[in-house]
Amino acid sequence: MAVLAQLTDDVVVHTFEITPPQMTIGRNPNCDIQITESSVSATHAIITQMPNRHFPQFMETYLQDQDSTNGTFVNEQPVIGRQRLHNNDVIRFAWHRFKFFDNLEAELEKTTHILQD
């Protein structure tokens, strides 16, 4: 199961389970993960899940910025295009920090090496 945990001062204040095939993140009330703050765009980013090409029983999670005003960042690097998320990545939507947890990827990392595209 993949989870996006909202952080305040490095403390988890809320968690969102990532559900396939995709979820929207933004200020708009219709977004799956709503962040009601003016620095976040109406539809700020999209998270997509799809089966791993080599191990279809495992899901891969991708993040894509939707031309937001204040940007989307993974580990403080700007997201350009579609970016794969990995367990323990820190994501920032404008000034709001989240941490990505994927317990299945974490278990798989203990025993195998995942091939990167």
PDB file of N, CA and C in Angstrom:
ATOM      1  N   MET A   1       0.839  -1.178   0.000  1.00  0.00           N
ATOM      2  CA  MET A   1       0.000   0.000   0.000  1.00  0.00           C
ATOM      3  C   MET A   1       0.889   1.249   0.000  1.00  0.00           C
ATOM      4  N   ALA A   2       0.544   2.198  -0.837  1.00  0.00           N
ATOM      5  CA  ALA A   2       1.274   3.466  -0.909  1.00  0.00           C
ATOM      6  C   ALA A   2       0.473   4.543  -0.183  1.00  0.00           C
ATOM      7  N   VAL A   3       1.207   5.394   0.538  1.00  0.00           N
ATOM      8  CA  VAL A   3       0.584   6.437   1.352  1.00  0.00           C
ATOM      9  C   VAL A   3       1.346   7.739   1.167  1.00  0.00           C
ATOM     10  N   LEU A   4       0.605   8.834   1.132  1.00  0.00           N
ATOM     11  CA  LEU A   4       1.191  10.166   1.146  1.00  0.00           C
ATOM     12  C   LEU A   4       0.875  10.758   2.518  1.00  0.00           C
ATOM     13  N   ALA A   5       1.933  11.085   3.279  1.00  0.00           N
ATOM     14  CA  ALA A   5       1.759  11.602   4.641  1.00  0.00           C
ATOM     15  C   ALA A   5       2.076  13.086   4.662  1.00  0.00           C
ATOM     16  N   GLN A   6       1.123  13.889   5.098  1.00  0.00           N
ATOM     17  CA  GLN A   6       1.334  15.331   5.192  1.00  0.00           C
ATOM     18  C   GLN A   6       2.139  15.625   6.448  1.00  0.00           C
ATOM     19  N   LEU A   7       3.182  16.467   6.283  1.00  0.00           N
ATOM     20  CA  LEU A   7       4.087  16.791   7.383  1.00  0.00           C
ATOM     21  C   LEU A   7       3.937  18.240   7.823  1.00  0.00           C
ATOM     22  N   THR A   8       3.985  18.449   9.116  1.00  0.00           N
ATOM     23  CA  THR A   8       4.103  19.778   9.692  1.00  0.00           C
ATOM     24  C   THR A   8       5.222  19.695  10.716  1.00  0.00           C
ATOM     25  N   ASP A   9       6.293  20.459  10.488  1.00  0.00           N
ATOM     26  CA  ASP A   9       7.480  20.393  11.349  1.00  0.00           C
ATOM     27  C   ASP A   9       7.969  18.952  11.495  1.00  0.00           C
ATOM     28  N   ASP A  10       7.998  18.221  10.375  1.00  0.00           N
ATOM     29  CA  ASP A  10       8.457  16.829  10.292  1.00  0.00           C
ATOM     30  C   ASP A  10       7.630  15.846  11.114  1.00  0.00           C
ATOM     31  N   VAL A  11       6.408  16.222  11.446  1.00  0.00           N
ATOM     32  CA  VAL A  11       5.483  15.336  12.147  1.00  0.00           C
ATOM     33  C   VAL A  11       4.320  15.041  11.205  1.00  0.00           C
ATOM     34  N   VAL A  12       3.938  13.771  11.089  1.00  0.00           N
ATOM     35  CA  VAL A  12       2.817  13.385  10.229  1.00  0.00           C
ATOM     36  C   VAL A  12       1.523  13.885  10.864  1.00  0.00           C
ATOM     37  N   VAL A  13       0.783  14.724  10.118  1.00  0.00           N
ATOM     38  CA  VAL A  13      -0.475  15.266  10.626  1.00  0.00           C
ATOM     39  C   VAL A  13      -1.684  14.663   9.926  1.00  0.00           C
ATOM     40  N   HIS A  14      -1.455  14.077   8.733  1.00  0.00           N
ATOM     41  CA  HIS A  14      -2.560  13.447   8.010  1.00  0.00           C
ATOM     42  C   HIS A  14      -1.981  12.487   6.983  1.00  0.00           C
ATOM     43  N   THR A  15      -2.673  11.380   6.735  1.00  0.00           N
ATOM     44  CA  THR A  15      -2.221  10.437   5.715  1.00  0.00           C
ATOM     45  C   THR A  15      -3.313  10.214   4.673  1.00  0.00           C
ATOM     46  N   PHE A  16      -2.871   9.998   3.447  1.00  0.00           N
ATOM     47  CA  PHE A  16      -3.778   9.738   2.328  1.00  0.00           C
ATOM     48  C   PHE A  16      -3.319   8.462   1.635  1.00  0.00           C
ATOM     49  N   GLU A  17      -4.199   7.470   1.546  1.00  0.00           N
ATOM     50  CA  GLU A  17      -3.866   6.251   0.822  1.00  0.00           C
ATOM     51  C   GLU A  17      -3.954   6.535  -0.673  1.00  0.00           C
ATOM     52  N   ILE A  18      -2.924   6.145  -1.418  1.00  0.00           N
ATOM     53  CA  ILE A  18      -2.902   6.345  -2.866  1.00  0.00           C
ATOM     54  C   ILE A  18      -3.678   5.194  -3.499  1.00  0.00           C
ATOM     55  N   THR A  19      -4.691   5.546  -4.291  1.00  0.00           N
ATOM     56  CA  THR A  19      -5.511   4.534  -4.946  1.00  0.00           C
ATOM     57  C   THR A  19      -5.398   4.674  -6.456  1.00  0.00           C
ATOM     58  N   PRO A  20      -5.232   3.540  -7.149  1.00  0.00           N
ATOM     59  CA  PRO A  20      -5.118   3.591  -8.609  1.00  0.00           C
ATOM     60  C   PRO A  20      -6.458   3.945  -9.250  1.00  0.00           C
ATOM     61  N   PRO A  21      -6.517   4.393 -10.480  1.00  0.00           N
ATOM     62  CA  PRO A  21      -5.335   4.615 -11.300  1.00  0.00           C
ATOM     63  C   PRO A  21      -4.684   5.968 -11.058  1.00  0.00           C
ATOM     64  N   GLN A  22      -5.456   7.006 -10.643  1.00  0.00           N
ATOM     65  CA  GLN A  22      -4.813   8.296 -10.391  1.00  0.00           C
ATOM     66  C   GLN A  22      -5.599   9.113  -9.388  1.00  0.00           C
ATOM     67  N   MET A  23      -4.887  10.058  -8.776  1.00  0.00           N
ATOM     68  CA  MET A  23      -5.483  10.984  -7.812  1.00  0.00           C
ATOM     69  C   MET A  23      -4.994  12.390  -8.117  1.00  0.00           C
ATOM     70  N   THR A  24      -5.863  13.366  -7.915  1.00  0.00           N
ATOM     71  CA  THR A  24      -5.492  14.761  -8.122  1.00  0.00           C
ATOM     72  C   THR A  24      -5.186  15.404  -6.775  1.00  0.00           C
ATOM     73  N   ILE A  25      -4.271  16.373  -6.816  1.00  0.00           N
ATOM     74  CA  ILE A  25      -3.868  17.105  -5.616  1.00  0.00           C
ATOM     75  C   ILE A  25      -3.979  18.582  -5.942  1.00  0.00           C
ATOM     76  N   GLY A  26      -4.638  19.345  -5.077  1.00  0.00           N
ATOM     77  CA  GLY A  26      -4.742  20.774  -5.313  1.00  0.00           C
ATOM     78  C   GLY A  26      -5.735  21.456  -4.392  1.00  0.00           C
ATOM     79  N   ARG A  27      -5.988  22.700  -4.683  1.00  0.00           N
ATOM     80  CA  ARG A  27      -6.865  23.541  -3.883  1.00  0.00           C
ATOM     81  C   ARG A  27      -8.344  23.315  -4.198  1.00  0.00           C
ATOM     82  N   ASN A  28      -8.647  22.851  -5.412  1.00  0.00           N
ATOM     83  CA  ASN A  28     -10.025  22.643  -5.848  1.00  0.00           C
ATOM     84  C   ASN A  28     -10.721  21.618  -4.951  1.00  0.00           C
ATOM     85  N   PRO A  29     -11.951  21.889  -4.517  1.00  0.00           N
ATOM     86  CA  PRO A  29     -12.671  20.943  -3.656  1.00  0.00           C
ATOM     87  C   PRO A  29     -12.900  19.575  -4.311  1.00  0.00           C
ATOM     88  N   ASN A  30     -12.816  19.507  -5.633  1.00  0.00           N
ATOM     89  CA  ASN A  30     -12.997  18.232  -6.330  1.00  0.00           C
ATOM     90  C   ASN A  30     -11.727  17.385  -6.363  1.00  0.00           C
ATOM     91  N   CYS A  31     -10.602  17.911  -5.888  1.00  0.00           N
ATOM     92  CA  CYS A  31      -9.360  17.141  -5.873  1.00  0.00           C
ATOM     93  C   CYS A  31      -9.450  16.017  -4.846  1.00  0.00           C
ATOM     94  N   ASP A  32      -8.791  14.911  -5.143  1.00  0.00           N
ATOM     95  CA  ASP A  32      -8.784  13.773  -4.223  1.00  0.00           C
ATOM     96  C   ASP A  32      -8.041  14.109  -2.929  1.00  0.00           C
ATOM     97  N   ILE A  33      -6.956  14.861  -3.052  1.00  0.00           N
ATOM     98  CA  ILE A  33      -6.221  15.367  -1.885  1.00  0.00           C
ATOM     99  C   ILE A  33      -6.278  16.879  -1.968  1.00  0.00           C
ATOM    100  N   GLN A  34      -7.054  17.466  -1.083  1.00  0.00           N
ATOM    101  CA  GLN A  34      -7.272  18.916  -1.131  1.00  0.00           C
ATOM    102  C   GLN A  34      -6.368  19.622  -0.127  1.00  0.00           C
ATOM    103  N   ILE A  35      -5.672  20.651  -0.623  1.00  0.00           N
ATOM    104  CA  ILE A  35      -4.831  21.507   0.219  1.00  0.00           C
ATOM    105  C   ILE A  35      -5.395  22.915   0.086  1.00  0.00           C
ATOM    106  N   THR A  36      -6.102  23.363   1.091  1.00  0.00           N
ATOM    107  CA  THR A  36      -6.804  24.651   1.017  1.00  0.00           C
ATOM    108  C   THR A  36      -5.896  25.788   1.457  1.00  0.00           C
ATOM    109  N   GLU A  37      -5.008  26.165   0.557  1.00  0.00           N
ATOM    110  CA  GLU A  37      -4.084  27.261   0.824  1.00  0.00           C
ATOM    111  C   GLU A  37      -3.741  27.902  -0.507  1.00  0.00           C
ATOM    112  N   SER A  38      -3.626  29.223  -0.527  1.00  0.00           N
ATOM    113  CA  SER A  38      -3.502  29.964  -1.788  1.00  0.00           C
ATOM    114  C   SER A  38      -2.216  29.687  -2.565  1.00  0.00           C
ATOM    115  N   SER A  39      -1.176  29.159  -1.931  1.00  0.00           N
ATOM    116  CA  SER A  39       0.060  28.869  -2.668  1.00  0.00           C
ATOM    117  C   SER A  39      -0.056  27.608  -3.528  1.00  0.00           C
ATOM    118  N   VAL A  40      -1.108  26.832  -3.302  1.00  0.00           N
ATOM    119  CA  VAL A  40      -1.339  25.600  -4.054  1.00  0.00           C
ATOM    120  C   VAL A  40      -2.312  25.904  -5.187  1.00  0.00           C
ATOM    121  N   SER A  41      -1.986  25.445  -6.394  1.00  0.00           N
ATOM    122  CA  SER A  41      -2.843  25.662  -7.558  1.00  0.00           C
ATOM    123  C   SER A  41      -4.116  24.826  -7.449  1.00  0.00           C
ATOM    124  N   ALA A  42      -5.137  25.217  -8.215  1.00  0.00           N
ATOM    125  CA  ALA A  42      -6.429  24.520  -8.170  1.00  0.00           C
ATOM    126  C   ALA A  42      -6.251  23.022  -8.413  1.00  0.00           C
ATOM    127  N   THR A  43      -5.590  22.655  -9.490  1.00  0.00           N
ATOM    128  CA  THR A  43      -5.164  21.274  -9.720  1.00  0.00           C
ATOM    129  C   THR A  43      -3.650  21.335  -9.849  1.00  0.00           C
ATOM    130  N   HIS A  44      -2.978  21.069  -8.766  1.00  0.00           N
ATOM    131  CA  HIS A  44      -1.544  21.289  -8.650  1.00  0.00           C
ATOM    132  C   HIS A  44      -0.731  20.141  -9.265  1.00  0.00           C
ATOM    133  N   ALA A  45      -1.136  18.896  -8.971  1.00  0.00           N
ATOM    134  CA  ALA A  45      -0.372  17.735  -9.431  1.00  0.00           C
ATOM    135  C   ALA A  45      -1.288  16.520  -9.526  1.00  0.00           C
ATOM    136  N   ILE A  46      -0.781  15.495 -10.206  1.00  0.00           N
ATOM    137  CA  ILE A  46      -1.502  14.220 -10.340  1.00  0.00           C
ATOM    138  C   ILE A  46      -0.556  13.096  -9.932  1.00  0.00           C
ATOM    139  N   ILE A  47      -1.090  12.166  -9.140  1.00  0.00           N
ATOM    140  CA  ILE A  47      -0.364  10.946  -8.791  1.00  0.00           C
ATOM    141  C   ILE A  47      -1.036   9.796  -9.536  1.00  0.00           C
ATOM    142  N   THR A  48      -0.219   9.004 -10.236  1.00  0.00           N
ATOM    143  CA  THR A  48      -0.721   7.881 -11.021  1.00  0.00           C
ATOM    144  C   THR A  48      -0.053   6.598 -10.550  1.00  0.00           C
ATOM    145  N   GLN A  49      -0.823   5.524 -10.512  1.00  0.00           N
ATOM    146  CA  GLN A  49      -0.254   4.213 -10.193  1.00  0.00           C
ATOM    147  C   GLN A  49      -0.492   3.261 -11.351  1.00  0.00           C
ATOM    148  N   MET A  50       0.510   2.437 -11.632  1.00  0.00           N
ATOM    149  CA  MET A  50       0.385   1.416 -12.673  1.00  0.00           C
ATOM    150  C   MET A  50       1.275   0.235 -12.320  1.00  0.00           C
ATOM    151  N   PRO A  51       0.957  -0.953 -12.842  1.00  0.00           N
ATOM    152  CA  PRO A  51       1.775  -2.127 -12.535  1.00  0.00           C
ATOM    153  C   PRO A  51       3.192  -1.990 -13.075  1.00  0.00           C
ATOM    154  N   ASN A  52       4.153  -2.512 -12.310  1.00  0.00           N
ATOM    155  CA  ASN A  52       5.541  -2.561 -12.751  1.00  0.00           C
ATOM    156  C   ASN A  52       5.629  -3.489 -13.957  1.00  0.00           C
ATOM    157  N   ARG A  53       6.373  -3.068 -14.953  1.00  0.00           N
ATOM    158  CA  ARG A  53       6.471  -3.814 -16.205  1.00  0.00           C
ATOM    159  C   ARG A  53       7.132  -5.180 -16.008  1.00  0.00           C
ATOM    160  N   HIS A  54       8.056  -5.292 -15.075  1.00  0.00           N
ATOM    161  CA  HIS A  54       8.761  -6.551 -14.839  1.00  0.00           C
ATOM    162  C   HIS A  54       8.105  -7.412 -13.759  1.00  0.00           C
ATOM    163  N   PHE A  55       7.457  -6.762 -12.805  1.00  0.00           N
ATOM    164  CA  PHE A  55       6.786  -7.455 -11.709  1.00  0.00           C
ATOM    165  C   PHE A  55       5.370  -6.888 -11.587  1.00  0.00           C
ATOM    166  N   PRO A  56       4.439  -7.349 -12.429  1.00  0.00           N
ATOM    167  CA  PRO A  56       3.106  -6.734 -12.489  1.00  0.00           C
ATOM    168  C   PRO A  56       2.313  -6.784 -11.185  1.00  0.00           C
ATOM    169  N   GLN A  57       2.730  -7.617 -10.248  1.00  0.00           N
ATOM    170  CA  GLN A  57       2.028  -7.671  -8.965  1.00  0.00           C
ATOM    171  C   GLN A  57       2.364  -6.460  -8.086  1.00  0.00           C
ATOM    172  N   PHE A  58       3.393  -5.689  -8.482  1.00  0.00           N
ATOM    173  CA  PHE A  58       3.785  -4.496  -7.743  1.00  0.00           C
ATOM    174  C   PHE A  58       3.394  -3.243  -8.524  1.00  0.00           C
ATOM    175  N   MET A  59       2.894  -2.257  -7.804  1.00  0.00           N
ATOM    176  CA  MET A  59       2.486  -0.996  -8.423  1.00  0.00           C
ATOM    177  C   MET A  59       3.627   0.013  -8.350  1.00  0.00           C
ATOM    178  N   GLU A  60       3.768   0.805  -9.404  1.00  0.00           N
ATOM    179  CA  GLU A  60       4.688   1.941  -9.417  1.00  0.00           C
ATOM    180  C   GLU A  60       3.861   3.206  -9.307  1.00  0.00           C
ATOM    181  N   THR A  61       4.392   4.178  -8.616  1.00  0.00           N
ATOM    182  CA  THR A  61       3.681   5.436  -8.403  1.00  0.00           C
ATOM    183  C   THR A  61       4.459   6.554  -9.064  1.00  0.00           C
ATOM    184  N   TYR A  62       3.741   7.389  -9.819  1.00  0.00           N
ATOM    185  CA  TYR A  62       4.345   8.504 -10.553  1.00  0.00           C
ATOM    186  C   TYR A  62       3.668   9.807 -10.144  1.00  0.00           C
ATOM    187  N   LEU A  63       4.436  10.887 -10.188  1.00  0.00           N
ATOM    188  CA  LEU A  63       3.950  12.225  -9.859  1.00  0.00           C
ATOM    189  C   LEU A  63       4.181  13.137 -11.051  1.00  0.00           C
ATOM    190  N   GLN A  64       3.184  13.957 -11.355  1.00  0.00           N
ATOM    191  CA  GLN A  64       3.319  14.910 -12.459  1.00  0.00           C
ATOM    192  C   GLN A  64       2.711  16.245 -12.046  1.00  0.00           C
ATOM    193  N   ASP A  65       3.512  17.301 -12.179  1.00  0.00           N
ATOM    194  CA  ASP A  65       3.045  18.658 -11.911  1.00  0.00           C
ATOM    195  C   ASP A  65       2.086  19.069 -13.028  1.00  0.00           C
ATOM    196  N   GLN A  66       1.083  19.847 -12.693  1.00  0.00           N
ATOM    197  CA  GLN A  66       0.090  20.295 -13.668  1.00  0.00           C
ATOM    198  C   GLN A  66       0.251  21.785 -13.968  1.00  0.00           C
ATOM    199  N   ASP A  67       1.470  22.194 -14.300  1.00  0.00           N
ATOM    200  CA  ASP A  67       1.780  23.603 -14.579  1.00  0.00           C
ATOM    201  C   ASP A  67       1.373  24.508 -13.422  1.00  0.00           C
ATOM    202  N   SER A  68       1.668  24.054 -12.212  1.00  0.00           N
ATOM    203  CA  SER A  68       1.315  24.823 -11.022  1.00  0.00           C
ATOM    204  C   SER A  68       2.148  26.095 -10.942  1.00  0.00           C
ATOM    205  N   THR A  69       1.637  27.085 -10.235  1.00  0.00           N
ATOM    206  CA  THR A  69       2.325  28.359 -10.086  1.00  0.00           C
ATOM    207  C   THR A  69       3.587  28.235  -9.237  1.00  0.00           C
ATOM    208  N   ASN A  70       3.513  27.518  -8.122  1.00  0.00           N
ATOM    209  CA  ASN A  70       4.645  27.442  -7.188  1.00  0.00           C
ATOM    210  C   ASN A  70       5.397  26.116  -7.221  1.00  0.00           C
ATOM    211  N   GLY A  71       5.081  25.263  -8.162  1.00  0.00           N
ATOM    212  CA  GLY A  71       5.874  24.073  -8.406  1.00  0.00           C
ATOM    213  C   GLY A  71       5.610  22.878  -7.517  1.00  0.00           C
ATOM    214  N   THR A  72       6.102  21.733  -8.012  1.00  0.00           N
ATOM    215  CA  THR A  72       6.071  20.464  -7.299  1.00  0.00           C
ATOM    216  C   THR A  72       7.502  19.950  -7.262  1.00  0.00           C
ATOM    217  N   PHE A  73       7.939  19.471  -6.099  1.00  0.00           N
ATOM    218  CA  PHE A  73       9.327  19.067  -5.910  1.00  0.00           C
ATOM    219  C   PHE A  73       9.391  17.691  -5.249  1.00  0.00           C
ATOM    220  N   VAL A  74      10.353  16.880  -5.666  1.00  0.00           N
ATOM    221  CA  VAL A  74      10.641  15.605  -5.010  1.00  0.00           C
ATOM    222  C   VAL A  74      12.074  15.682  -4.523  1.00  0.00           C
ATOM    223  N   ASN A  75      12.241  15.535  -3.224  1.00  0.00           N
ATOM    224  CA  ASN A  75      13.556  15.663  -2.590  1.00  0.00           C
ATOM    225  C   ASN A  75      14.229  16.970  -3.009  1.00  0.00           C
ATOM    226  N   GLU A  76      13.433  18.029  -3.037  1.00  0.00           N
ATOM    227  CA  GLU A  76      13.830  19.407  -3.365  1.00  0.00           C
ATOM    228  C   GLU A  76      14.288  19.607  -4.809  1.00  0.00           C
ATOM    229  N   GLN A  77      14.007  18.635  -5.667  1.00  0.00           N
ATOM    230  CA  GLN A  77      14.287  18.792  -7.097  1.00  0.00           C
ATOM    231  C   GLN A  77      12.960  19.001  -7.813  1.00  0.00           C
ATOM    232  N   PRO A  78      12.873  19.998  -8.726  1.00  0.00           N
ATOM    233  CA  PRO A  78      11.603  20.249  -9.409  1.00  0.00           C
ATOM    234  C   PRO A  78      11.173  19.056 -10.261  1.00  0.00           C
ATOM    235  N   VAL A  79       9.886  18.771 -10.220  1.00  0.00           N
ATOM    236  CA  VAL A  79       9.319  17.702 -11.040  1.00  0.00           C
ATOM    237  C   VAL A  79       9.105  18.256 -12.441  1.00  0.00           C
ATOM    238  N   ILE A  80       9.751  17.612 -13.409  1.00  0.00           N
ATOM    239  CA  ILE A  80       9.591  17.989 -14.816  1.00  0.00           C
ATOM    240  C   ILE A  80       9.085  16.750 -15.527  1.00  0.00           C
ATOM    241  N   GLY A  81       7.937  16.859 -16.138  1.00  0.00           N
ATOM    242  CA  GLY A  81       7.327  15.675 -16.746  1.00  0.00           C
ATOM    243  C   GLY A  81       6.776  14.765 -15.671  1.00  0.00           C
ATOM    244  N   ARG A  82       6.827  13.477 -15.938  1.00  0.00           N
ATOM    245  CA  ARG A  82       6.335  12.471 -15.000  1.00  0.00           C
ATOM    246  C   ARG A  82       7.523  11.869 -14.261  1.00  0.00           C
ATOM    247  N   GLN A  83       7.459  11.837 -12.938  1.00  0.00           N
ATOM    248  CA  GLN A  83       8.575  11.339 -12.135  1.00  0.00           C
ATOM    249  C   GLN A  83       8.122  10.187 -11.249  1.00  0.00           C
ATOM    250  N   ARG A  84       8.914   9.129 -11.240  1.00  0.00           N
ATOM    251  CA  ARG A  84       8.626   7.967 -10.394  1.00  0.00           C
ATOM    252  C   ARG A  84       8.912   8.303  -8.944  1.00  0.00           C
ATOM    253  N   LEU A  85       8.018   7.896  -8.063  1.00  0.00           N
ATOM    254  CA  LEU A  85       8.214   8.082  -6.627  1.00  0.00           C
ATOM    255  C   LEU A  85       8.761   6.806  -6.017  1.00  0.00           C
ATOM    256  N   HIS A  86       9.601   6.972  -4.998  1.00  0.00           N
ATOM    257  CA  HIS A  86      10.187   5.843  -4.281  1.00  0.00           C
ATOM    258  C   HIS A  86       9.926   6.006  -2.793  1.00  0.00           C
ATOM    259  N   ASN A  87       9.928   4.891  -2.106  1.00  0.00           N
ATOM    260  CA  ASN A  87       9.692   4.893  -0.668  1.00  0.00           C
ATOM    261  C   ASN A  87      10.588   5.923   0.021  1.00  0.00           C
ATOM    262  N   ASN A  88       9.999   6.730   0.894  1.00  0.00           N
ATOM    263  CA  ASN A  88      10.657   7.767   1.699  1.00  0.00           C
ATOM    264  C   ASN A  88      10.973   9.050   0.934  1.00  0.00           C
ATOM    265  N   ASP A  89      10.512   9.203  -0.305  1.00  0.00           N
ATOM    266  CA  ASP A  89      10.684  10.479  -0.999  1.00  0.00           C
ATOM    267  C   ASP A  89       9.924  11.573  -0.258  1.00  0.00           C
ATOM    268  N   VAL A  90      10.517  12.761  -0.201  1.00  0.00           N
ATOM    269  CA  VAL A  90       9.853  13.931   0.383  1.00  0.00           C
ATOM    270  C   VAL A  90       9.340  14.782  -0.781  1.00  0.00           C
ATOM    271  N   ILE A  91       8.061  15.070  -0.748  1.00  0.00           N
ATOM    272  CA  ILE A  91       7.397  15.803  -1.836  1.00  0.00           C
ATOM    273  C   ILE A  91       6.935  17.140  -1.292  1.00  0.00           C
ATOM    274  N   ARG A  92       7.101  18.164  -2.111  1.00  0.00           N
ATOM    275  CA  ARG A  92       6.635  19.498  -1.721  1.00  0.00           C
ATOM    276  C   ARG A  92       5.738  20.045  -2.817  1.00  0.00           C
ATOM    277  N   PHE A  93       4.514  20.408  -2.435  1.00  0.00           N
ATOM    278  CA  PHE A  93       3.569  21.102  -3.309  1.00  0.00           C
ATOM    279  C   PHE A  93       3.538  22.546  -2.818  1.00  0.00           C
ATOM    280  N   ALA A  94       4.128  23.459  -3.601  1.00  0.00           N
ATOM    281  CA  ALA A  94       4.328  24.845  -3.145  1.00  0.00           C
ATOM    282  C   ALA A  94       5.130  24.779  -1.845  1.00  0.00           C
ATOM    283  N   TRP A  95       4.536  25.148  -0.686  1.00  0.00           N
ATOM    284  CA  TRP A  95       5.274  25.142   0.586  1.00  0.00           C
ATOM    285  C   TRP A  95       4.829  24.004   1.498  1.00  0.00           C
ATOM    286  N   HIS A  96       4.001  23.096   0.991  1.00  0.00           N
ATOM    287  CA  HIS A  96       3.452  22.008   1.808  1.00  0.00           C
ATOM    288  C   HIS A  96       4.231  20.717   1.581  1.00  0.00           C
ATOM    289  N   ARG A  97       4.739  20.141   2.678  1.00  0.00           N
ATOM    290  CA  ARG A  97       5.595  18.957   2.586  1.00  0.00           C
ATOM    291  C   ARG A  97       4.819  17.681   2.900  1.00  0.00           C
ATOM    292  N   PHE A  98       5.142  16.651   2.133  1.00  0.00           N
ATOM    293  CA  PHE A  98       4.568  15.326   2.304  1.00  0.00           C
ATOM    294  C   PHE A  98       5.701  14.314   2.207  1.00  0.00           C
ATOM    295  N   LYS A  99       5.469  13.132   2.751  1.00  0.00           N
ATOM    296  CA  LYS A  99       6.424  12.042   2.587  1.00  0.00           C
ATOM    297  C   LYS A  99       5.675  10.867   1.973  1.00  0.00           C
ATOM    298  N   PHE A 100       6.323  10.233   0.988  1.00  0.00           N
ATOM    299  CA  PHE A 100       5.733   9.099   0.287  1.00  0.00           C
ATOM    300  C   PHE A 100       6.240   7.804   0.909  1.00  0.00           C
ATOM    301  N   PHE A 101       5.305   6.941   1.297  1.00  0.00           N
ATOM    302  CA  PHE A 101       5.639   5.644   1.856  1.00  0.00           C
ATOM    303  C   PHE A 101       5.005   4.556   1.003  1.00  0.00           C
ATOM    304  N   ASP A 102       5.793   3.576   0.640  1.00  0.00           N
ATOM    305  CA  ASP A 102       5.287   2.427  -0.108  1.00  0.00           C
ATOM    306  C   ASP A 102       5.844   1.178   0.566  1.00  0.00           C
ATOM    307  N   ASN A 103       5.035   0.562   1.433  1.00  0.00           N
ATOM    308  CA  ASN A 103       5.533  -0.575   2.212  1.00  0.00           C
ATOM    309  C   ASN A 103       5.858  -1.781   1.335  1.00  0.00           C
ATOM    310  N   LEU A 104       5.174  -1.960   0.197  1.00  0.00           N
ATOM    311  CA  LEU A 104       5.500  -3.080  -0.691  1.00  0.00           C
ATOM    312  C   LEU A 104       6.858  -2.872  -1.352  1.00  0.00           C
ATOM    313  N   GLU A 105       7.146  -1.637  -1.786  1.00  0.00           N
ATOM    314  CA  GLU A 105       8.459  -1.351  -2.366  1.00  0.00           C
ATOM    315  C   GLU A 105       9.549  -1.523  -1.317  1.00  0.00           C
ATOM    316  N   ALA A 106       9.275  -1.095  -0.102  1.00  0.00           N
ATOM    317  CA  ALA A 106      10.258  -1.233   0.973  1.00  0.00           C
ATOM    318  C   ALA A 106      10.566  -2.707   1.222  1.00  0.00           C
ATOM    319  N   GLU A 107       9.554  -3.579   1.214  1.00  0.00           N
ATOM    320  CA  GLU A 107       9.768  -5.013   1.391  1.00  0.00           C
ATOM    321  C   GLU A 107      10.537  -5.604   0.217  1.00  0.00           C
ATOM    322  N   LEU A 108      10.176  -5.179  -0.998  1.00  0.00           N
ATOM    323  CA  LEU A 108      10.849  -5.681  -2.197  1.00  0.00           C
ATOM    324  C   LEU A 108      12.314  -5.263  -2.214  1.00  0.00           C
ATOM    325  N   GLU A 109      12.610  -4.058  -1.753  1.00  0.00           N
ATOM    326  CA  GLU A 109      13.995  -3.570  -1.731  1.00  0.00           C
ATOM    327  C   GLU A 109      14.887  -4.413  -0.828  1.00  0.00           C
ATOM    328  N   LYS A 110      14.301  -5.067   0.152  1.00  0.00           N
ATOM    329  CA  LYS A 110      15.087  -5.891   1.058  1.00  0.00           C
ATOM    330  C   LYS A 110      15.630  -7.139   0.357  1.00  0.00           C
ATOM    331  N   THR A 111      14.927  -7.594  -0.692  1.00  0.00           N
ATOM    332  CA  THR A 111      15.299  -8.871  -1.302  1.00  0.00           C
ATOM    333  C   THR A 111      15.684  -8.775  -2.779  1.00  0.00           C
ATOM    334  N   THR A 112      15.307  -7.715  -3.476  1.00  0.00           N
ATOM    335  CA  THR A 112      15.574  -7.611  -4.905  1.00  0.00           C
ATOM    336  C   THR A 112      15.974  -6.204  -5.282  1.00  0.00           C
ATOM    337  N   HIS A 113      16.499  -6.086  -6.471  1.00  0.00           N
ATOM    338  CA  HIS A 113      16.840  -4.785  -7.043  1.00  0.00           C
ATOM    339  C   HIS A 113      15.813  -4.471  -8.117  1.00  0.00           C
ATOM    340  N   ILE A 114      15.125  -3.340  -7.994  1.00  0.00           N
ATOM    341  CA  ILE A 114      14.122  -2.938  -8.982  1.00  0.00           C
ATOM    342  C   ILE A 114      14.824  -2.272 -10.139  1.00  0.00           C
ATOM    343  N   LEU A 115      14.511  -2.696 -11.344  1.00  0.00           N
ATOM    344  CA  LEU A 115      15.086  -2.100 -12.537  1.00  0.00           C
ATOM    345  C   LEU A 115      14.432  -0.756 -12.798  1.00  0.00           C
ATOM    346  N   GLN A 116      15.238   0.242 -13.106  1.00  0.00           N
ATOM    347  CA  GLN A 116      14.730   1.576 -13.410  1.00  0.00           C
ATOM    348  C   GLN A 116      14.618   1.746 -14.908  1.00  0.00           C
ATOM    349  N   ASP A 117      13.577   2.435 -15.361  1.00  0.00           N
ATOM    350  CA  ASP A 117      13.423   2.761 -16.779  1.00  0.00           C
ATOM    351  C   ASP A 117      14.257   3.956 -17.136  1.00  0.00           C
TER     352      ASP A 117
END
